[in-house]
Protein backbone atom coordinates (compact mmCIF):
# COMPACT_ATOMS: atom_id res chain seq x y z
CA MET A 1 242.55 4.53 -95.04
CA HIS A 2 244.46 7.93 -95.51
CA TYR A 3 242.61 10.93 -96.72
CA ARG A 4 243.96 12.76 -100.18
CA ILE A 5 244.74 16.82 -99.51
CA PRO A 6 242.80 19.00 -99.95
CA MET A 7 239.72 17.33 -99.65
CA ASN A 8 237.11 17.93 -101.90
CA LEU A 9 234.27 19.03 -100.09
CA GLY A 10 231.79 19.55 -102.20
CA ALA A 11 231.49 16.05 -103.42
CA ILE A 12 231.81 14.87 -99.77
CA MET A 13 228.56 17.23 -99.69
CA ASP A 14 227.07 15.00 -102.79
CA GLY A 15 227.40 11.98 -100.64
CA LYS A 16 230.62 10.80 -102.48
CA ASP A 17 233.20 9.36 -100.68
CA ALA A 18 236.53 11.33 -100.08
CA GLU A 19 239.41 10.25 -102.13
CA THR A 20 241.95 8.18 -100.28
CA CYS A 21 245.83 7.40 -100.90
CA SER A 22 248.93 5.89 -99.51
CA MET A 23 250.54 6.41 -96.50
CA LYS A 24 253.56 7.47 -98.33
CA GLU A 25 251.90 10.29 -100.56
CA ASN A 26 249.65 11.43 -97.15
CA ILE A 27 252.74 11.96 -95.20
CA ALA A 28 254.33 13.94 -98.21
CA GLN A 29 251.31 15.73 -98.30
CA HIS A 30 251.59 17.12 -94.72
CA LEU A 31 255.17 17.94 -94.93
CA HIS A 32 254.46 20.23 -97.55
CA MET A 33 251.69 21.55 -95.38
CA LEU A 34 253.71 22.10 -92.51
CA LEU A 35 256.61 23.20 -94.73
CA THR A 36 254.25 25.76 -96.06
CA THR A 37 252.79 27.00 -92.81
CA ARG A 38 254.18 29.46 -91.06
CA MET A 39 254.00 29.14 -87.28
CA GLY A 40 251.30 30.63 -85.42
CA GLU A 41 249.05 30.63 -88.94
CA ASN A 42 246.57 28.01 -87.99
CA ARG A 43 244.50 28.95 -85.28
CA PHE A 44 243.35 26.21 -83.71
CA ASN A 45 247.38 24.66 -83.07
CA PRO A 46 249.53 27.92 -82.79
CA GLY A 47 252.54 25.58 -82.75
CA TYR A 48 251.62 23.83 -85.90
CA GLY A 49 254.56 25.51 -88.87
CA ASN A 50 257.33 26.26 -89.69
CA HIS A 51 259.88 28.92 -88.54
CA ILE A 52 261.15 28.83 -91.92
CA TRP A 53 259.32 31.95 -92.69
CA GLN A 54 260.63 33.75 -90.15
CA VAL A 55 264.52 33.94 -92.22
CA GLU A 56 262.86 34.19 -95.16
CA PHE A 57 263.91 37.49 -95.85
CA GLU A 58 267.42 37.58 -93.98
CA ASN A 59 270.16 38.96 -95.86
CA GLY A 60 272.18 39.55 -92.28
CA ILE A 61 273.88 36.48 -92.79
CA SER A 62 275.93 34.09 -95.13
CA ASP A 63 273.89 31.81 -97.60
CA GLY A 64 275.40 28.76 -95.88
CA GLN A 65 274.37 30.42 -92.06
CA TRP A 66 270.55 30.88 -94.00
CA GLN A 67 270.62 27.03 -95.49
CA GLU A 68 271.34 25.85 -91.52
CA GLU A 69 269.27 27.78 -89.61
CA CYS A 70 266.64 26.66 -92.81
CA LYS A 71 267.25 23.00 -92.05
CA LYS A 72 267.06 23.14 -88.37
CA ALA A 73 263.56 24.92 -88.66
CA ILE A 74 262.23 21.65 -90.93
CA GLU A 75 264.00 19.43 -88.34
CA GLU A 76 261.78 21.04 -85.61
CA CYS A 77 258.65 21.18 -87.79
CA ILE A 78 258.96 17.47 -88.65
CA GLU A 79 259.91 16.68 -85.32
CA HIS A 80 256.62 18.09 -83.59
CA GLY A 81 254.17 17.83 -86.27
CA GLU A 82 255.00 14.45 -87.86
CA LYS A 83 254.97 11.30 -85.51
CA ARG A 84 254.51 8.60 -88.51
CA ILE A 85 258.48 8.98 -89.53
CA LYS A 86 261.63 8.74 -87.99
CA LYS A 87 265.83 8.74 -88.49
CA THR A 88 264.90 12.23 -90.24
CA LYS A 89 267.24 13.38 -92.78
CA VAL A 90 266.94 16.88 -94.23
CA GLU A 91 268.73 18.51 -97.07
CA VAL A 92 268.78 22.05 -97.50
CA HIS A 93 270.07 23.87 -101.08
CA THR A 94 269.17 27.05 -102.55
CA ALA A 95 269.69 29.38 -106.14
CA ILE A 96 268.83 32.99 -107.14
CA VAL A 97 266.47 32.23 -109.81
CA GLU A 98 266.20 35.38 -112.03
CA LYS A 99 262.09 35.90 -113.83
CA GLU A 100 262.07 38.72 -116.96
CA TRP A 101 258.25 39.78 -117.34
CA PRO A 102 258.75 41.64 -120.75
CA LEU A 103 254.79 42.98 -120.70
CA LYS A 104 255.54 44.51 -116.99
CA ARG A 105 258.80 45.75 -117.81
CA TYR A 106 260.36 44.23 -114.56
CA HIS A 107 262.52 41.26 -113.07
CA GLU A 108 261.73 39.13 -110.47
CA ILE A 109 264.26 37.61 -108.09
CA LYS A 110 263.45 35.11 -105.81
CA ARG A 111 265.50 32.01 -103.71
CA ARG A 112 264.39 29.11 -105.01
CA VAL A 113 265.06 26.16 -101.91
CA THR A 114 265.20 22.92 -102.66
CA ILE A 115 264.45 20.81 -99.56
CA SER A 116 264.68 16.99 -99.89
CA ILE A 117 263.53 14.35 -96.74
CA LYS A 118 264.80 11.03 -96.17
CA ALA A 119 263.63 9.29 -93.67
CA VAL A 120 261.74 6.12 -92.13
CA ILE A 121 258.06 5.57 -91.82
CA VAL A 122 257.37 4.38 -88.67
CA GLU A 123 254.49 1.70 -88.56
CA SER A 124 256.40 -0.13 -91.69
CA ASN A 125 260.27 0.77 -91.36
CA GLU A 126 259.66 1.25 -94.66
CA ASN A 127 262.17 4.44 -96.31
CA PHE A 128 260.76 7.64 -96.82
CA SER A 129 261.81 10.47 -99.37
CA PHE A 130 260.19 13.56 -99.95
CA SER A 131 261.60 16.48 -102.17
CA THR A 132 260.11 19.82 -103.30
CA HIS A 133 260.93 23.38 -104.12
CA LEU A 134 259.56 26.72 -102.10
CA PHE A 135 260.41 30.01 -103.44
CA LEU A 136 261.19 32.09 -101.07
CA SER A 137 261.79 36.45 -100.42
CA PRO A 138 260.25 38.14 -103.74
CA MET A 139 262.34 41.20 -105.17
CA SER A 140 261.95 43.21 -108.07
CA ALA A 141 264.27 44.95 -109.98
CA ASP A 142 262.64 47.93 -112.95
């Protein structure tokens, strides 16, 4: 049985069962949590998380180097944090995204990172894929 993340603790306290989901959905939810957790952020497990946030604002390296560092960080966090998948292949693509806020009179520029993960589920040898976008490095221009 796999529980849906985040858990609705209010419903559980009211005596209702926790929502469940498939193993694939649970792995995807856990990968998202791994990717969005800064290494050391979890006080009960300082080794849980992703080093991507340590290179978030790196401007001294090329985009290609940054993508490789990001890919390496993701591969490491999956290897240590998600044992239910194997033969993991990670792809990372970046783009600069600009958003104009007319009422606030400024532009926001962020790096959008598209992360695609392909793997095999250990228990069933089933193919697994996951894709998400993260927005990093907020900058604004007046």
